[in-house]
Amino acid sequence: MHYQWDFSVISDNAGLLFWGLGNTLLLTLIAILIGTPLGLAVALLRLSSHRWLSWPATVYVEVFRATPALVQLYWLYFALPRLTGLRLGGFEAAAIALSILSSAFLSEVFRGGIAAIGKGQWDAARGIGLSYPRMLRTIILPQAVRRMLPVFLERYIELLKTSTIAATVSFGDLLFVAQDISYRTYRTLEIFSAIAVMFFLVILLCSQLTRLIEHRLARSGEFTAR
């Protein structure tokens, strides 16, 4: 049977689709804003010489890197209310799950970047009497972040794609909106083709930005932490 394409369903629901895209981008942005500093904190704990600080941070990273994001989200959304009585909405559960997930991965990027800074930089900072927090803030982290920036952008792109799990807890992101429209119109192929294009364009823009930054860093003699 020949399928009759009807792309008018996309124009008819363009407002809803862009609203869903906005929610997806907002969720991703919140996960980035929370997950990045949290990842730095976890990385610093892992680099600590005190085992009572480094060991819990290591467990944190290994647990959240080794378990599926969807399982983490379901645990927050379904299990947490039963265990604690605290009920989270779909947005809150997804934001927390993605923030924790991103922090676990970004902590390893931070750790690798900080560890890659030469011993001479640390010795020079100590030699001029800088405290450890000031040393990190003024000398070590600026160099490390510059080298890690392309890797961060790649992780953020992965986070954007992973954010589609929020649709499973009824958060109105782009995937959830697309599912709702397809159920009402029976135009699944057109709708999901449209959101594929929307994701492709957003991710392509982010990828081009990543390549531009990598090119500029390569020209300046910097390198990235992988």
C-alpha atoms as a PDB file:
ATOM      1  CA  MET A   1       0.000   0.000   0.000  1.00  0.00           C
ATOM      2  CA  HIS A   2       1.377   3.391  -1.019  1.00  0.00           C
ATOM      3  CA  TYR A   3       1.700   5.819   1.894  1.00  0.00           C
ATOM      4  CA  GLN A   4       0.309   9.301   1.304  1.00  0.00           C
ATOM      5  CA  TRP A   5       2.544  11.860   2.962  1.00  0.00           C
ATOM      6  CA  ASP A   6       0.836  14.906   4.447  1.00  0.00           C
ATOM      7  CA  PHE A   7       3.234  17.470   5.855  1.00  0.00           C
ATOM      8  CA  SER A   8       0.490  19.971   6.598  1.00  0.00           C
ATOM      9  CA  VAL A   9       0.348  18.386  10.062  1.00  0.00           C
ATOM     10  CA  ILE A  10       3.749  19.925  10.750  1.00  0.00           C
ATOM     11  CA  SER A  11       2.729  23.474   9.852  1.00  0.00           C
ATOM     12  CA  ASP A  12      -0.536  23.038  11.734  1.00  0.00           C
ATOM     13  CA  ASN A  13       1.358  22.076  14.886  1.00  0.00           C
ATOM     14  CA  ALA A  14       4.517  24.128  14.411  1.00  0.00           C
ATOM     15  CA  GLY A  15       3.831  26.168  17.531  1.00  0.00           C
ATOM     16  CA  LEU A  16       3.599  23.067  19.699  1.00  0.00           C
ATOM     17  CA  LEU A  17       6.739  21.577  18.185  1.00  0.00           C
ATOM     18  CA  PHE A  18       8.790  24.706  18.827  1.00  0.00           C
ATOM     19  CA  TRP A  19       7.370  24.900  22.342  1.00  0.00           C
ATOM     20  CA  GLY A  20       8.563  21.345  22.919  1.00  0.00           C
ATOM     21  CA  LEU A  21      11.974  22.202  21.465  1.00  0.00           C
ATOM     22  CA  GLY A  22      12.192  25.144  23.845  1.00  0.00           C
ATOM     23  CA  ASN A  23      11.450  22.861  26.781  1.00  0.00           C
ATOM     24  CA  THR A  24      14.112  20.418  25.610  1.00  0.00           C
ATOM     25  CA  LEU A  25      16.705  23.176  25.370  1.00  0.00           C
ATOM     26  CA  LEU A  26      15.675  24.577  28.763  1.00  0.00           C
ATOM     27  CA  LEU A  27      15.992  21.180  30.414  1.00  0.00           C
ATOM     28  CA  THR A  28      19.406  20.655  28.834  1.00  0.00           C
ATOM     29  CA  LEU A  29      20.574  24.114  29.892  1.00  0.00           C
ATOM     30  CA  ILE A  30      19.529  23.541  33.509  1.00  0.00           C
ATOM     31  CA  ALA A  31      21.309  20.179  33.560  1.00  0.00           C
ATOM     32  CA  ILE A  32      24.438  21.893  32.219  1.00  0.00           C
ATOM     33  CA  LEU A  33      24.293  24.747  34.741  1.00  0.00           C
ATOM     34  CA  ILE A  34      23.910  22.313  37.646  1.00  0.00           C
ATOM     35  CA  GLY A  35      25.969  19.407  36.341  1.00  0.00           C
ATOM     36  CA  THR A  36      29.082  21.385  35.382  1.00  0.00           C
ATOM     37  CA  PRO A  37      29.927  22.917  38.796  1.00  0.00           C
ATOM     38  CA  LEU A  38      28.833  19.699  40.492  1.00  0.00           C
ATOM     39  CA  GLY A  39      31.187  17.775  38.206  1.00  0.00           C
ATOM     40  CA  LEU A  40      34.029  20.121  39.160  1.00  0.00           C
ATOM     41  CA  ALA A  41      33.331  19.573  42.852  1.00  0.00           C
ATOM     42  CA  VAL A  42      33.310  15.801  42.409  1.00  0.00           C
ATOM     43  CA  ALA A  43      36.560  15.953  40.411  1.00  0.00           C
ATOM     44  CA  LEU A  44      38.282  17.941  43.160  1.00  0.00           C
ATOM     45  CA  LEU A  45      37.105  15.404  45.730  1.00  0.00           C
ATOM     46  CA  ARG A  46      38.471  12.560  43.603  1.00  0.00           C
ATOM     47  CA  LEU A  47      41.822  14.342  43.377  1.00  0.00           C
ATOM     48  CA  SER A  48      41.982  14.757  47.137  1.00  0.00           C
ATOM     49  CA  SER A  49      44.722  12.878  48.996  1.00  0.00           C
ATOM     50  CA  HIS A  50      42.209  12.077  51.734  1.00  0.00           C
ATOM     51  CA  ARG A  51      40.526   8.740  51.085  1.00  0.00           C
ATOM     52  CA  TRP A  52      37.426   9.717  53.069  1.00  0.00           C
ATOM     53  CA  LEU A  53      36.867  12.403  50.406  1.00  0.00           C
ATOM     54  CA  SER A  54      38.104  10.639  47.268  1.00  0.00           C
ATOM     55  CA  TRP A  55      36.441   7.273  47.889  1.00  0.00           C
ATOM     56  CA  PRO A  56      32.801   8.519  48.094  1.00  0.00           C
ATOM     57  CA  ALA A  57      33.407  10.677  45.013  1.00  0.00           C
ATOM     58  CA  THR A  58      34.750   7.661  43.134  1.00  0.00           C
ATOM     59  CA  VAL A  59      31.696   5.596  44.093  1.00  0.00           C
ATOM     60  CA  TYR A  60      29.428   8.454  42.962  1.00  0.00           C
ATOM     61  CA  VAL A  61      31.082   8.618  39.543  1.00  0.00           C
ATOM     62  CA  GLU A  62      31.157   4.875  38.974  1.00  0.00           C
ATOM     63  CA  VAL A  63      27.528   4.350  40.021  1.00  0.00           C
ATOM     64  CA  PHE A  64      26.047   7.092  37.860  1.00  0.00           C
ATOM     65  CA  ARG A  65      28.251   6.377  34.860  1.00  0.00           C
ATOM     66  CA  ALA A  66      27.488   2.654  34.996  1.00  0.00           C
ATOM     67  CA  THR A  67      23.685   2.825  35.321  1.00  0.00           C
ATOM     68  CA  PRO A  68      21.307   3.775  32.483  1.00  0.00           C
ATOM     69  CA  ALA A  69      19.948   7.313  32.526  1.00  0.00           C
ATOM     70  CA  LEU A  70      16.386   6.032  32.178  1.00  0.00           C
ATOM     71  CA  VAL A  71      16.770   3.860  35.281  1.00  0.00           C
ATOM     72  CA  GLN A  72      18.033   6.856  37.259  1.00  0.00           C
ATOM     73  CA  LEU A  73      15.093   8.945  36.080  1.00  0.00           C
ATOM     74  CA  TYR A  74      12.543   6.243  36.942  1.00  0.00           C
ATOM     75  CA  TRP A  75      14.080   5.818  40.369  1.00  0.00           C
ATOM     76  CA  LEU A  76      13.670   9.533  41.094  1.00  0.00           C
ATOM     77  CA  TYR A  77      10.177   9.757  39.628  1.00  0.00           C
ATOM     78  CA  PHE A  78       8.639   6.486  40.823  1.00  0.00           C
ATOM     79  CA  ALA A  79      10.750   5.053  43.660  1.00  0.00           C
ATOM     80  CA  LEU A  80      11.672   8.210  45.566  1.00  0.00           C
ATOM     81  CA  PRO A  81       8.041   9.089  46.467  1.00  0.00           C
ATOM     82  CA  ARG A  82       7.486   5.600  47.858  1.00  0.00           C
ATOM     83  CA  LEU A  83      10.654   5.700  49.950  1.00  0.00           C
ATOM     84  CA  THR A  84      10.558   9.286  51.200  1.00  0.00           C
ATOM     85  CA  GLY A  85       7.109  10.684  50.439  1.00  0.00           C
ATOM     86  CA  LEU A  86       8.753  13.366  48.286  1.00  0.00           C
ATOM     87  CA  ARG A  87       7.057  13.527  44.906  1.00  0.00           C
ATOM     88  CA  LEU A  88       8.834  15.210  42.011  1.00  0.00           C
ATOM     89  CA  GLY A  89       7.227  16.467  38.831  1.00  0.00           C
ATOM     90  CA  GLY A  90       8.450  15.256  35.469  1.00  0.00           C
ATOM     91  CA  PHE A  91      10.543  18.358  34.891  1.00  0.00           C
ATOM     92  CA  GLU A  92      12.152  18.298  38.328  1.00  0.00           C
ATOM     93  CA  ALA A  93      12.921  14.574  38.159  1.00  0.00           C
ATOM     94  CA  ALA A  94      14.413  14.874  34.674  1.00  0.00           C
ATOM     95  CA  ALA A  95      16.469  17.949  35.600  1.00  0.00           C
ATOM     96  CA  ILE A  96      17.929  16.235  38.676  1.00  0.00           C
ATOM     97  CA  ALA A  97      18.618  12.956  36.849  1.00  0.00           C
ATOM     98  CA  LEU A  98      20.339  14.666  33.920  1.00  0.00           C
ATOM     99  CA  SER A  99      22.307  16.975  36.218  1.00  0.00           C
ATOM    100  CA  ILE A 100      23.630  14.051  38.235  1.00  0.00           C
ATOM    101  CA  LEU A 101      24.398  12.045  35.110  1.00  0.00           C
ATOM    102  CA  SER A 102      26.236  14.922  33.450  1.00  0.00           C
ATOM    103  CA  SER A 103      28.193  15.699  36.634  1.00  0.00           C
ATOM    104  CA  ALA A 104      29.498  12.131  36.760  1.00  0.00           C
ATOM    105  CA  PHE A 105      30.823  12.302  33.203  1.00  0.00           C
ATOM    106  CA  LEU A 106      32.047  15.889  33.402  1.00  0.00           C
ATOM    107  CA  SER A 107      33.924  15.160  36.620  1.00  0.00           C
ATOM    108  CA  GLU A 108      36.175  12.819  34.663  1.00  0.00           C
ATOM    109  CA  VAL A 109      36.774  15.518  32.061  1.00  0.00           C
ATOM    110  CA  PHE A 110      37.678  17.980  34.809  1.00  0.00           C
ATOM    111  CA  ARG A 111      39.895  15.430  36.541  1.00  0.00           C
ATOM    112  CA  GLY A 112      41.769  14.637  33.354  1.00  0.00           C
ATOM    113  CA  GLY A 113      42.193  18.308  32.487  1.00  0.00           C
ATOM    114  CA  ILE A 114      43.467  19.275  35.929  1.00  0.00           C
ATOM    115  CA  ALA A 115      45.821  16.299  36.072  1.00  0.00           C
ATOM    116  CA  ALA A 116      47.236  17.281  32.667  1.00  0.00           C
ATOM    117  CA  ILE A 117      48.537  20.611  33.979  1.00  0.00           C
ATOM    118  CA  GLY A 118      52.293  20.347  34.351  1.00  0.00           C
ATOM    119  CA  LYS A 119      53.878  20.017  37.784  1.00  0.00           C
ATOM    120  CA  GLY A 120      55.819  23.198  37.125  1.00  0.00           C
ATOM    121  CA  GLN A 121      52.606  25.234  37.125  1.00  0.00           C
ATOM    122  CA  TRP A 122      51.660  23.874  40.544  1.00  0.00           C
ATOM    123  CA  ASP A 123      55.144  24.478  41.930  1.00  0.00           C
ATOM    124  CA  ALA A 124      55.206  28.032  40.588  1.00  0.00           C
ATOM    125  CA  ALA A 125      51.822  28.782  42.154  1.00  0.00           C
ATOM    126  CA  ARG A 126      52.946  27.404  45.498  1.00  0.00           C
ATOM    127  CA  GLY A 127      56.195  29.331  45.179  1.00  0.00           C
ATOM    128  CA  ILE A 128      54.407  32.683  45.096  1.00  0.00           C
ATOM    129  CA  GLY A 129      52.362  31.729  48.141  1.00  0.00           C
ATOM    130  CA  LEU A 130      48.952  31.107  46.589  1.00  0.00           C
ATOM    131  CA  SER A 131      46.406  29.151  48.598  1.00  0.00           C
ATOM    132  CA  TYR A 132      44.965  26.007  47.015  1.00  0.00           C
ATOM    133  CA  PRO A 133      41.563  27.589  46.160  1.00  0.00           C
ATOM    134  CA  ARG A 134      43.203  30.665  44.655  1.00  0.00           C
ATOM    135  CA  MET A 135      45.706  28.510  42.797  1.00  0.00           C
ATOM    136  CA  LEU A 136      42.854  26.578  41.186  1.00  0.00           C
ATOM    137  CA  ARG A 137      40.835  29.687  40.392  1.00  0.00           C
ATOM    138  CA  THR A 138      43.581  31.849  38.907  1.00  0.00           C
ATOM    139  CA  ILE A 139      46.123  29.455  37.386  1.00  0.00           C
ATOM    140  CA  ILE A 140      45.087  25.807  37.087  1.00  0.00           C
ATOM    141  CA  LEU A 141      41.399  25.904  36.098  1.00  0.00           C
ATOM    142  CA  PRO A 142      41.708  28.632  33.411  1.00  0.00           C
ATOM    143  CA  GLN A 143      44.329  26.531  31.611  1.00  0.00           C
ATOM    144  CA  ALA A 144      42.473  23.256  32.142  1.00  0.00           C
ATOM    145  CA  VAL A 145      39.072  24.583  31.029  1.00  0.00           C
ATOM    146  CA  ARG A 146      40.564  26.093  27.878  1.00  0.00           C
ATOM    147  CA  ARG A 147      41.912  22.689  26.910  1.00  0.00           C
ATOM    148  CA  MET A 148      38.748  20.834  27.910  1.00  0.00           C
ATOM    149  CA  LEU A 149      36.216  23.167  26.273  1.00  0.00           C
ATOM    150  CA  PRO A 150      35.665  21.131  23.082  1.00  0.00           C
ATOM    151  CA  VAL A 151      35.160  17.990  25.172  1.00  0.00           C
ATOM    152  CA  PHE A 152      32.624  19.824  27.305  1.00  0.00           C
ATOM    153  CA  LEU A 153      30.695  20.840  24.195  1.00  0.00           C
ATOM    154  CA  GLU A 154      30.656  17.244  22.971  1.00  0.00           C
ATOM    155  CA  ARG A 155      29.282  16.099  26.328  1.00  0.00           C
ATOM    156  CA  TYR A 156      26.637  18.804  26.196  1.00  0.00           C
ATOM    157  CA  ILE A 157      25.524  17.573  22.772  1.00  0.00           C
ATOM    158  CA  GLU A 158      25.209  14.051  24.177  1.00  0.00           C
ATOM    159  CA  LEU A 159      23.223  15.474  27.074  1.00  0.00           C
ATOM    160  CA  LEU A 160      20.828  17.162  24.647  1.00  0.00           C
ATOM    161  CA  LYS A 161      20.138  13.829  22.967  1.00  0.00           C
ATOM    162  CA  THR A 162      19.797  12.035  26.296  1.00  0.00           C
ATOM    163  CA  SER A 163      17.242  14.617  27.483  1.00  0.00           C
ATOM    164  CA  THR A 164      14.572  12.859  25.398  1.00  0.00           C
ATOM    165  CA  ILE A 165      14.133  10.401  28.281  1.00  0.00           C
ATOM    166  CA  ALA A 166      12.107  13.149  29.988  1.00  0.00           C
ATOM    167  CA  ALA A 167       9.191  12.294  27.701  1.00  0.00           C
ATOM    168  CA  THR A 168       8.760   9.008  29.583  1.00  0.00           C
ATOM    169  CA  VAL A 169       7.706  10.908  32.732  1.00  0.00           C
ATOM    170  CA  SER A 170       5.277  13.168  30.846  1.00  0.00           C
ATOM    171  CA  PHE A 171       7.462  16.255  30.637  1.00  0.00           C
ATOM    172  CA  GLY A 172       6.448  18.296  27.608  1.00  0.00           C
ATOM    173  CA  ASP A 173       9.716  18.189  25.697  1.00  0.00           C
ATOM    174  CA  LEU A 174       9.996  17.851  21.943  1.00  0.00           C
ATOM    175  CA  LEU A 175       9.654  14.056  21.948  1.00  0.00           C
ATOM    176  CA  PHE A 176       6.607  14.108  24.248  1.00  0.00           C
ATOM    177  CA  VAL A 177       4.905  16.750  22.088  1.00  0.00           C
ATOM    178  CA  ALA A 178       5.666  14.748  18.946  1.00  0.00           C
ATOM    179  CA  GLN A 179       4.184  11.615  20.467  1.00  0.00           C
ATOM    180  CA  ASP A 180       1.046  13.500  21.489  1.00  0.00           C
ATOM    181  CA  ILE A 181       0.568  14.982  18.021  1.00  0.00           C
ATOM    182  CA  SER A 182       1.151  11.648  16.303  1.00  0.00           C
ATOM    183  CA  TYR A 183      -1.430   9.959  18.549  1.00  0.00           C
ATOM    184  CA  ARG A 184      -4.018  12.597  17.645  1.00  0.00           C
ATOM    185  CA  THR A 185      -3.303  12.859  13.936  1.00  0.00           C
ATOM    186  CA  TYR A 186      -2.009   9.369  13.050  1.00  0.00           C
ATOM    187  CA  ARG A 187       0.823  11.098  11.168  1.00  0.00           C
ATOM    188  CA  THR A 188       3.729   9.483  12.960  1.00  0.00           C
ATOM    189  CA  LEU A 189       6.139   9.470  10.007  1.00  0.00           C
ATOM    190  CA  GLU A 190       5.707  13.165   9.261  1.00  0.00           C
ATOM    191  CA  ILE A 191       5.956  14.279  12.883  1.00  0.00           C
ATOM    192  CA  PHE A 192       8.979  12.185  13.766  1.00  0.00           C
ATOM    193  CA  SER A 193      10.678  13.167  10.515  1.00  0.00           C
ATOM    194  CA  ALA A 194      10.163  16.791  11.547  1.00  0.00           C
ATOM    195  CA  ILE A 195      11.657  16.373  15.013  1.00  0.00           C
ATOM    196  CA  ALA A 196      14.570  14.425  13.528  1.00  0.00           C
ATOM    197  CA  VAL A 197      15.295  17.444  11.331  1.00  0.00           C
ATOM    198  CA  MET A 198      14.936  19.815  14.309  1.00  0.00           C
ATOM    199  CA  PHE A 199      17.372  17.792  16.416  1.00  0.00           C
ATOM    200  CA  PHE A 200      19.726  17.476  13.464  1.00  0.00           C
ATOM    201  CA  LEU A 201      19.844  21.234  12.893  1.00  0.00           C
ATOM    202  CA  VAL A 202      20.405  22.063  16.559  1.00  0.00           C
ATOM    203  CA  ILE A 203      23.093  19.415  16.979  1.00  0.00           C
ATOM    204  CA  LEU A 204      24.729  20.371  13.679  1.00  0.00           C
ATOM    205  CA  LEU A 205      25.016  23.954  14.905  1.00  0.00           C
ATOM    206  CA  CYS A 206      26.559  22.773  18.180  1.00  0.00           C
ATOM    207  CA  SER A 207      28.929  20.422  16.331  1.00  0.00           C
ATOM    208  CA  GLN A 208      30.111  23.204  14.049  1.00  0.00           C
ATOM    209  CA  LEU A 209      30.762  25.367  17.096  1.00  0.00           C
ATOM    210  CA  THR A 210      32.778  22.548  18.651  1.00  0.00           C
ATOM    211  CA  ARG A 211      34.876  22.123  15.499  1.00  0.00           C
ATOM    212  CA  LEU A 212      35.487  25.869  15.319  1.00  0.00           C
ATOM    213  CA  ILE A 213      36.731  25.948  18.909  1.00  0.00           C
ATOM    214  CA  GLU A 214      38.933  22.884  18.360  1.00  0.00           C
ATOM    215  CA  HIS A 215      40.419  24.515  15.253  1.00  0.00           C
ATOM    216  CA  ARG A 216      41.194  27.746  17.076  1.00  0.00           C
ATOM    217  CA  LEU A 217      42.724  25.926  20.026  1.00  0.00           C
ATOM    218  CA  ALA A 218      44.839  23.809  17.693  1.00  0.00           C
ATOM    219  CA  ARG A 219      46.107  26.938  15.943  1.00  0.00           C
ATOM    220  CA  SER A 220      46.982  28.518  19.287  1.00  0.00           C
ATOM    221  CA  GLY A 221      48.944  25.420  20.330  1.00  0.00           C
ATOM    222  CA  GLU A 222      46.494  24.233  22.963  1.00  0.00           C
ATOM    223  CA  PHE A 223      45.307  20.645  23.209  1.00  0.00           C
ATOM    224  CA  THR A 224      42.134  19.045  24.520  1.00  0.00           C
ATOM    225  CA  ALA A 225      41.727  16.518  27.295  1.00  0.00           C
ATOM    226  CA  ARG A 226      40.163  13.319  26.017  1.00  0.00           C
END
